[in-house]
Protein backbone atom coordinates (compact mmCIF):
# COMPACT_ATOMS: atom_id res chain seq x y z
CA UNK A 1 45.35 40.15 23.38
CA UNK A 2 47.35 41.83 26.33
CA UNK A 3 46.68 41.45 29.87
CA UNK A 4 45.45 45.10 29.93
CA UNK A 5 43.49 44.44 27.08
CA UNK A 6 42.18 41.26 28.75
CA UNK A 7 41.26 43.30 31.92
CA UNK A 8 39.17 45.71 30.12
CA UNK A 9 36.97 43.17 28.47
CA UNK A 10 36.45 41.30 31.54
CA UNK A 11 35.55 44.50 33.70
CA UNK A 12 33.36 45.57 30.82
CA UNK A 13 31.80 41.88 30.52
CA UNK A 14 30.91 42.35 34.38
CA UNK A 15 29.83 45.74 34.02
CA UNK A 16 27.44 45.04 31.37
CA UNK A 17 26.26 41.94 32.85
CA UNK A 18 25.52 43.69 36.62
CA UNK A 19 23.74 46.71 35.27
CA UNK A 20 21.37 44.46 33.30
CA UNK A 21 20.65 42.34 36.44
CA UNK A 22 19.75 45.90 38.28
CA UNK A 23 17.83 47.06 35.33
CA UNK A 24 15.45 44.22 35.63
CA UNK A 25 15.42 43.61 39.96
CA UNK A 26 14.44 47.45 39.56
CA UNK A 27 11.14 46.70 37.62
CA UNK A 28 9.78 43.61 38.68
CA UNK A 29 10.47 43.59 42.50
CA UNK A 30 7.69 46.17 43.71
CA UNK A 31 4.90 44.65 42.21
CA UNK A 32 4.67 41.44 44.65
CA UNK A 33 5.07 43.41 47.71
CA UNK A 34 2.04 45.97 47.31
CA UNK A 35 -0.15 44.08 49.68
CA UNK A 36 2.61 44.24 52.59
CA UNK A 37 3.60 47.49 51.92
CA UNK A 38 0.17 48.51 52.60
CA UNK A 39 0.61 47.14 55.87
CA UNK A 40 2.57 50.41 56.72
CA UNK A 41 0.64 53.07 54.67
CA UNK A 42 -2.19 53.24 52.16
CA UNK A 43 -1.26 52.42 48.17
CA UNK A 44 -4.35 53.70 46.12
CA UNK A 45 -5.33 51.98 43.18
CA UNK A 46 -4.59 55.23 41.03
CA UNK A 47 -1.21 54.90 42.51
CA UNK A 48 -0.79 51.15 41.32
CA UNK A 49 -1.77 52.15 37.78
CA UNK A 50 0.46 55.11 37.53
CA UNK A 51 3.09 52.56 38.54
CA UNK A 52 2.25 50.26 36.35
CA UNK A 53 2.24 52.67 33.70
CA UNK A 54 5.37 54.25 34.36
CA UNK A 55 7.62 51.76 32.76
CA UNK A 56 6.88 52.04 29.20
CA UNK A 57 6.51 56.03 29.38
CA UNK A 58 9.40 56.33 31.55
CA UNK A 59 11.23 54.42 28.87
CA UNK A 60 9.76 56.04 25.77
CA UNK A 61 10.84 59.54 27.22
CA UNK A 62 14.37 58.47 28.04
CA UNK A 63 14.86 57.31 24.63
CA UNK A 64 14.07 60.77 23.83
CA UNK A 65 16.49 62.34 25.56
CA UNK A 66 19.34 59.84 25.94
CA UNK A 67 21.20 60.30 22.57
CA UNK A 68 21.78 64.07 23.76
CA UNK A 69 23.28 63.29 27.16
CA UNK A 70 25.30 60.93 26.20
CA UNK A 71 26.89 62.94 23.00
CA UNK A 72 27.78 65.60 25.47
CA UNK A 73 29.02 63.30 28.65
CA UNK A 74 30.21 60.51 26.83
CA UNK A 75 29.06 56.92 27.03
CA UNK A 76 30.60 55.21 30.21
CA UNK A 77 29.85 58.41 31.97
CA UNK A 78 26.40 58.59 30.90
CA UNK A 79 25.86 54.61 31.76
CA UNK A 80 27.56 55.57 35.73
CA UNK A 81 25.23 58.30 36.26
CA UNK A 82 22.02 56.20 35.06
CA UNK A 83 23.58 53.47 37.25
CA UNK A 84 24.19 55.49 40.26
CA UNK A 85 20.80 57.43 39.99
CA UNK A 86 19.08 53.89 39.96
CA UNK A 87 21.33 52.60 43.18
CA UNK A 88 20.06 55.63 45.10
CA UNK A 89 16.10 55.58 43.99
CA UNK A 90 16.12 52.10 45.08
CA UNK A 91 17.54 53.40 48.59
CA UNK A 92 15.07 55.66 48.51
CA UNK A 93 12.19 53.31 48.17
CA UNK A 94 13.14 51.56 50.94
CA UNK A 95 12.84 54.50 52.93
CA UNK A 96 9.34 55.36 51.25
CA UNK A 97 7.15 56.76 53.64
CA UNK A 98 3.92 57.07 51.61
CA UNK A 99 2.31 56.49 48.22
CA UNK A 100 3.72 59.88 46.95
CA UNK A 101 7.59 59.54 47.89
CA UNK A 102 6.86 55.49 46.87
CA UNK A 103 6.11 56.70 43.11
CA UNK A 104 8.13 59.38 43.13
CA UNK A 105 10.89 56.73 44.01
CA UNK A 106 9.98 54.63 41.48
CA UNK A 107 9.91 57.18 38.69
CA UNK A 108 13.43 57.56 39.20
CA UNK A 109 14.11 54.28 39.08
CA UNK A 110 12.20 53.82 35.47
CA UNK A 111 13.90 57.12 34.66
CA UNK A 112 17.63 55.45 35.22
CA UNK A 113 16.48 52.24 33.30
CA UNK A 114 15.46 53.79 30.37
CA UNK A 115 18.67 55.50 29.81
CA UNK A 116 20.66 52.32 30.07
CA UNK A 117 18.29 50.42 28.33
CA UNK A 118 19.27 52.87 25.31
CA UNK A 119 22.84 52.81 25.83
CA UNK A 120 23.52 48.72 26.89
CA UNK A 121 23.56 47.57 22.92
CA UNK A 122 26.03 50.65 22.09
CA UNK A 123 28.46 49.35 24.97
CA UNK A 124 28.31 45.79 23.45
CA UNK A 125 29.41 47.52 19.94
CA UNK A 126 31.92 49.51 21.61
CA UNK A 127 33.89 46.60 23.68
CA UNK A 128 32.32 44.16 22.52
CA UNK A 129 32.17 44.26 18.24
CA UNK A 130 33.11 41.32 17.30
CA UNK A 131 30.73 38.99 19.07
CA UNK A 132 27.93 41.24 19.49
CA UNK A 133 25.48 38.23 19.42
CA UNK A 134 26.88 36.51 22.43
CA UNK A 135 27.22 39.81 24.77
CA UNK A 136 23.54 40.33 23.75
CA UNK A 137 22.80 36.83 24.71
CA UNK A 138 24.65 37.11 28.25
CA UNK A 139 22.89 40.49 29.12
CA UNK A 140 19.39 39.98 28.01
CA UNK A 141 19.41 36.34 29.43
CA UNK A 142 20.65 38.42 32.78
CA UNK A 143 17.28 40.52 32.06
CA UNK A 144 14.90 37.39 31.55
CA UNK A 145 16.31 36.12 35.11
CA UNK A 146 15.97 39.08 36.84
CA UNK A 147 12.54 39.35 35.34
CA UNK A 148 11.34 36.35 37.27
CA UNK A 149 13.09 35.86 40.22
CA UNK A 150 12.11 38.77 42.19
CA UNK A 151 8.14 37.50 41.88
CA UNK A 152 9.55 34.35 43.46
CA UNK A 153 11.51 35.77 46.32
CA UNK A 154 10.46 39.35 47.14
CA UNK A 155 7.75 38.22 49.77
CA UNK A 156 9.61 35.62 51.75
CA UNK A 157 12.77 38.05 51.87
CA UNK A 158 9.98 40.36 52.98
CA UNK A 159 8.75 37.99 55.48
CA UNK A 160 12.00 37.53 56.61
CA UNK A 161 13.67 41.08 56.68
CA UNK A 162 11.16 43.25 55.91
CA UNK A 163 9.69 45.26 52.50
CA UNK A 164 12.19 47.84 53.22
CA UNK A 165 14.98 45.10 53.92
CA UNK A 166 14.27 43.16 50.52
CA UNK A 167 14.18 46.74 48.44
CA UNK A 168 17.65 47.14 50.41
CA UNK A 169 18.61 43.74 48.96
CA UNK A 170 17.68 45.02 45.65
CA UNK A 171 19.76 48.35 46.14
CA UNK A 172 22.59 46.44 47.27
CA UNK A 173 22.87 44.83 43.67
CA UNK A 174 22.29 48.05 41.87
CA UNK A 175 25.23 49.90 44.21
CA UNK A 176 27.53 46.82 42.93
CA UNK A 177 26.89 47.60 39.36
CA UNK A 178 28.06 51.33 39.71
CA UNK A 179 31.33 49.97 41.20
CA UNK A 180 33.09 48.55 37.30
CA UNK A 181 31.11 51.85 35.41
CA UNK A 182 32.92 54.10 37.73
CA UNK A 183 36.28 52.35 36.98
CA UNK A 184 35.27 52.20 32.84
CA UNK A 185 34.41 56.15 33.21
CA UNK A 186 37.62 56.71 34.89
CA UNK A 187 39.67 54.76 32.65
CA UNK A 188 37.85 56.09 29.66
CA UNK A 189 38.40 59.68 30.43
CA UNK A 190 41.85 59.39 31.01
CA UNK A 191 42.28 57.83 27.71
CA UNK A 192 39.91 60.09 25.96
CA UNK A 193 38.37 56.84 24.57
CA UNK A 194 34.62 57.91 25.49
CA UNK A 195 34.82 61.12 23.41
CA UNK A 196 33.02 61.18 20.02
CA UNK A 197 33.93 63.23 17.45
CA UNK A 198 30.79 66.37 17.73
CA UNK A 199 27.98 64.71 16.53
CA UNK A 200 26.19 65.68 13.24
CA UNK A 201 22.71 67.04 13.58
CA UNK A 202 21.61 65.33 10.16
CA UNK A 203 22.00 61.71 11.97
CA UNK A 204 18.28 61.21 13.57
CA UNK A 205 17.45 62.93 10.36
CA UNK A 206 19.12 60.35 8.19
CA UNK A 207 17.94 57.46 9.98
CA UNK A 208 14.12 58.53 10.36
CA UNK A 209 14.17 58.32 6.49
CA UNK A 210 15.43 54.88 6.00
CA UNK A 211 12.39 51.79 6.32
CA UNK A 212 14.59 49.51 8.56
CA UNK A 213 14.50 52.11 10.92
CA UNK A 214 10.45 52.28 11.38
CA UNK A 215 10.53 48.60 10.79
CA UNK A 216 12.36 48.18 13.83
CA UNK A 217 10.34 50.45 15.78
CA UNK A 218 7.06 48.38 15.08
CA UNK A 219 9.72 45.17 16.23
CA UNK A 220 10.37 46.88 19.19
CA UNK A 221 6.33 48.03 19.99
CA UNK A 222 5.14 44.47 19.50
CA UNK A 223 7.36 43.12 21.53
CA UNK A 224 6.51 45.27 24.13
CA UNK A 225 2.96 45.65 23.95
CA UNK A 226 2.56 42.19 23.94
CA UNK A 227 4.71 41.90 27.31
CA UNK A 228 3.08 44.89 28.70
CA UNK A 229 -0.35 43.92 28.03
CA UNK A 230 0.15 40.36 29.88
CA UNK A 231 2.14 41.90 32.67
CA UNK A 232 -1.06 44.27 33.46
CA UNK A 233 -3.73 41.94 32.37
CA UNK A 234 -3.12 38.19 31.95
CA UNK A 235 -3.96 37.27 36.01
CA UNK A 236 -7.59 38.43 35.30
CA UNK A 237 -8.27 37.70 32.06
CA UNK A 238 -7.36 33.81 32.88
CA UNK A 239 -9.59 34.08 35.56
CA UNK A 240 -12.40 35.37 33.79
CA UNK A 241 -11.98 33.27 30.22
CA UNK A 242 -10.20 30.16 31.48
CA UNK A 243 -11.69 29.31 34.92
CA UNK A 244 -8.12 29.26 36.65
CA UNK A 245 -8.05 30.59 40.49
CA UNK A 246 -6.03 33.36 41.62
CA UNK A 247 -3.05 31.27 42.25
CA UNK A 248 -2.87 29.50 39.49
CA UNK A 249 -3.10 32.79 37.17
CA UNK A 250 -0.01 34.23 39.18
CA UNK A 251 1.95 30.90 38.32
CA UNK A 252 0.98 31.10 34.55
CA UNK A 253 2.05 34.68 34.40
CA UNK A 254 5.47 33.35 35.69
CA UNK A 255 5.06 31.29 33.25
CA UNK A 256 5.02 33.69 30.73
CA UNK A 257 7.60 35.86 32.04
CA UNK A 258 9.73 32.69 32.16
CA UNK A 259 9.70 32.50 28.29
CA UNK A 260 11.76 35.42 28.37
CA UNK A 261 14.81 33.02 29.25
CA UNK A 262 14.95 30.63 26.40
CA UNK A 263 14.68 33.09 23.59
CA UNK A 264 17.11 35.37 25.36
CA UNK A 265 19.51 32.34 25.25
CA UNK A 266 19.40 31.57 21.67
CA UNK A 267 18.33 34.24 19.43
CA UNK A 268 21.18 36.69 19.93
CA UNK A 269 23.48 33.72 19.07
CA UNK A 270 21.19 32.47 15.80
CA UNK A 271 20.76 35.93 14.56
CA UNK A 272 24.73 36.61 14.72
CA UNK A 273 25.44 33.17 13.07
CA UNK A 274 22.95 33.24 10.22
CA UNK A 275 22.51 36.79 9.68
CA UNK A 276 18.85 36.25 8.66
CA UNK A 277 15.65 37.62 10.60
CA UNK A 278 12.67 36.11 8.85
CA UNK A 279 12.93 32.83 10.54
CA UNK A 280 12.64 34.86 13.96
CA UNK A 281 10.10 36.95 12.79
CA UNK A 282 8.16 33.96 11.41
CA UNK A 283 7.82 32.23 14.97
CA UNK A 284 7.05 35.13 16.67
CA UNK A 285 4.08 36.04 14.41
CA UNK A 286 2.72 32.36 14.80
CA UNK A 287 3.12 31.61 17.98
CA UNK A 288 1.45 35.25 19.08
CA UNK A 289 -1.68 34.25 16.63
CA UNK A 290 -1.43 30.65 17.99
CA UNK A 291 -2.12 31.94 21.77
CA UNK A 292 -4.35 34.67 20.92
CA UNK A 293 -6.20 32.20 18.54
CA UNK A 294 -6.39 29.46 21.52
CA UNK A 295 -7.13 32.51 24.33
CA UNK A 296 -10.33 33.28 22.29
CA UNK A 297 -11.73 30.24 20.80
CA UNK A 298 -10.51 27.19 23.53
CA UNK A 299 -9.30 29.07 26.69
CA UNK A 300 -9.86 26.36 28.87
CA UNK A 301 -8.58 23.38 26.51
CA UNK A 302 -4.83 24.21 26.88
CA UNK A 303 -4.61 27.42 29.20
CA UNK A 304 -0.78 26.66 29.59
CA UNK A 305 -0.05 25.99 25.85
CA UNK A 306 -1.68 29.28 25.12
CA UNK A 307 0.17 31.16 27.84
CA UNK A 308 3.41 29.17 26.41
CA UNK A 309 2.63 30.19 22.66
CA UNK A 310 2.10 33.83 23.72
CA UNK A 311 5.06 34.35 25.57
CA UNK A 312 7.22 33.55 22.32
CA UNK A 313 6.58 37.14 20.51
CA UNK A 314 8.67 38.42 23.08
CA UNK A 315 11.67 36.74 21.24
CA UNK A 316 11.37 40.10 19.09
CA UNK A 317 13.26 41.86 22.03
CA UNK A 318 16.74 40.10 21.56
CA UNK A 319 16.42 40.23 18.27
CA UNK A 320 15.76 44.12 18.22
CA UNK A 321 18.75 44.45 20.64
CA UNK A 322 21.19 42.54 18.67
CA UNK A 323 20.29 44.64 15.55
CA UNK A 324 20.56 47.66 17.04
CA UNK A 325 24.70 46.76 16.52
CA UNK A 326 24.59 44.80 13.92
CA UNK A 327 22.79 46.59 11.61
CA UNK A 328 24.50 49.80 12.23
CA UNK A 329 28.46 51.05 11.35
CA UNK A 330 28.88 53.56 13.85
CA UNK A 331 29.11 54.50 17.37
CA UNK A 332 26.83 57.76 16.42
CA UNK A 333 24.16 55.48 14.19
CA UNK A 334 23.98 53.04 17.10
CA UNK A 335 22.87 55.26 19.90
CA UNK A 336 20.78 57.40 17.79
CA UNK A 337 18.85 54.13 16.48
CA UNK A 338 18.32 52.65 19.94
CA UNK A 339 17.35 56.16 21.53
CA UNK A 340 14.55 56.47 18.68
CA UNK A 341 13.24 52.80 18.40
CA UNK A 342 13.04 52.75 22.37
CA UNK A 343 11.45 56.03 22.29
CA UNK A 344 8.92 55.14 20.10
CA UNK A 345 8.41 51.35 20.73
CA UNK A 346 7.67 52.10 24.15
CA UNK A 347 5.84 54.38 23.68
CA UNK A 348 3.27 52.63 21.47
CA UNK A 349 3.85 49.73 24.22
CA UNK A 350 2.41 52.00 26.81
CA UNK A 351 -1.09 52.13 24.82
CA UNK A 352 -2.05 48.18 24.78
CA UNK A 353 -2.76 47.81 28.59
CA UNK A 354 -5.03 50.66 28.65
CA UNK A 355 -6.44 49.50 25.52
CA UNK A 356 -7.35 45.87 27.00
CA UNK A 357 -8.43 47.39 30.17
CA UNK A 358 -10.71 49.79 27.92
CA UNK A 359 -12.03 47.33 26.07
CA UNK A 360 -12.58 44.82 28.97
CA UNK A 361 -14.71 47.63 30.96
CA UNK A 362 -16.62 48.93 27.78
CA UNK A 363 -17.60 45.45 26.36
CA UNK A 364 -18.00 43.38 29.69
CA UNK A 365 -15.14 40.73 28.14
CA UNK A 366 -11.91 40.06 26.61
CA UNK A 367 -13.26 39.33 22.80
CA UNK A 368 -12.31 42.61 21.49
CA UNK A 369 -9.20 43.42 23.24
CA UNK A 370 -7.27 39.99 22.43
CA UNK A 371 -8.47 40.67 18.45
CA UNK A 372 -6.59 43.88 18.84
CA UNK A 373 -3.81 42.46 20.59
CA UNK A 374 -3.84 39.73 17.72
CA UNK A 375 -3.66 42.85 14.83
CA UNK A 376 -0.52 44.26 16.41
CA UNK A 377 1.74 40.79 16.71
CA UNK A 378 0.37 40.91 12.78
CA UNK A 379 2.53 44.55 12.32
CA UNK A 380 5.30 42.16 12.66
CA UNK A 381 4.56 40.52 9.30
CA UNK A 382 5.52 43.81 7.23
CA UNK A 383 8.63 44.46 9.66
CA UNK A 384 9.97 41.06 8.73
CA UNK A 385 9.66 41.84 4.81
CA UNK A 386 11.46 45.30 5.32
CA UNK A 387 14.41 43.96 7.77
CA UNK A 388 15.32 40.70 5.40
CA UNK A 389 17.68 43.07 3.21
CA UNK A 390 21.25 42.36 4.79
CA UNK A 391 22.35 46.19 5.23
CA UNK A 392 23.22 48.63 7.61
CA UNK A 393 21.18 52.22 8.47
CA UNK A 394 23.74 53.75 6.98
CA UNK A 395 24.11 51.61 3.65
CA UNK A 396 20.47 51.75 3.34
CA UNK A 397 20.35 55.64 3.27
CA UNK A 398 23.36 55.39 0.81
CA UNK A 399 21.54 53.48 -1.40
CA UNK A 400 18.29 55.48 -1.08
CA UNK A 401 19.80 58.64 -1.22
CA UNK A 402 23.00 57.77 -3.71
CA UNK A 403 25.01 60.05 -1.08
CA UNK A 404 28.19 59.08 1.17
CA UNK A 405 26.83 58.93 4.54
């Protein structure tokens, strides 16, 4: 590799890592500071609820529009715009003066994050076609670290420099992420490497006819449903059924979040090496059902174990991210697949926190909600059967239709 080529790869790696760091810092840095923010202005429960629902809804909507934007502007420029918007919205969140401006800035952040979520697998496929598993490990692990770090440091940071200073710190990280994307965008524009051929309108109509696409939708939906349901309801659920106090419940939620780190480290590399997907689905379903079953039948007997077990099914997240690159042949298909799967998957996931809350409100307990969560985990089993076939989306379409992609 030439020095210029090595520099381009290093720049792309830095851009991916900094953007991945920003994506999760933006999402995870708000909720720990809500009580601190309320010292300056009221944040009604309704606004808190909207903020809680905003991530999966914004990600679903972003997944719908991102492929069209990327086709018009190019890959690097679209990511640059998303990174710039995210940094600007993080800065505006630090300047919020009431609940409305806080919600508006947060919604803008999630919109930018949603666009970047869709395009990161495509960036990895473009710049690291021979190291998709490794680079997916790098950025999904970065996301995992950035998920559980803010809850640990946001409040001490706010105590030292104020909640606005805490938010401004994360905004500084986001600004740093813009710089390499600006350079990549300028280089891509100069060489025209970010210009793809005029997209065929048939791409989306083709991928929706392939079972693997819908298996990935289910995979992503199961992962996100478990994650967002637990982020929303794990503390009150454990307080009610396991008898833990609020501090311990918060620690157990941090443990649940931490489980994303080891799975992000090993899953993409393993799937890249062994090629088989079935073992990962089996582990996700078995551990998920074990955790749900433990919470149903013996919640206080081994609460930590049940939390660890229910924290393992989110291994489906790095699995899906890796498969976006491994199961497509072209840039265009990767973007379309990532957009569709994330849009539909996050849309499904947004229903699970609401379902847990409604069933708890109606029944006064958590049993029905946990049973539904267990059924959601089981939905990954048929997806595993479909994804067991090692072929690309394009190959699957050609096999089913007898025509060339």
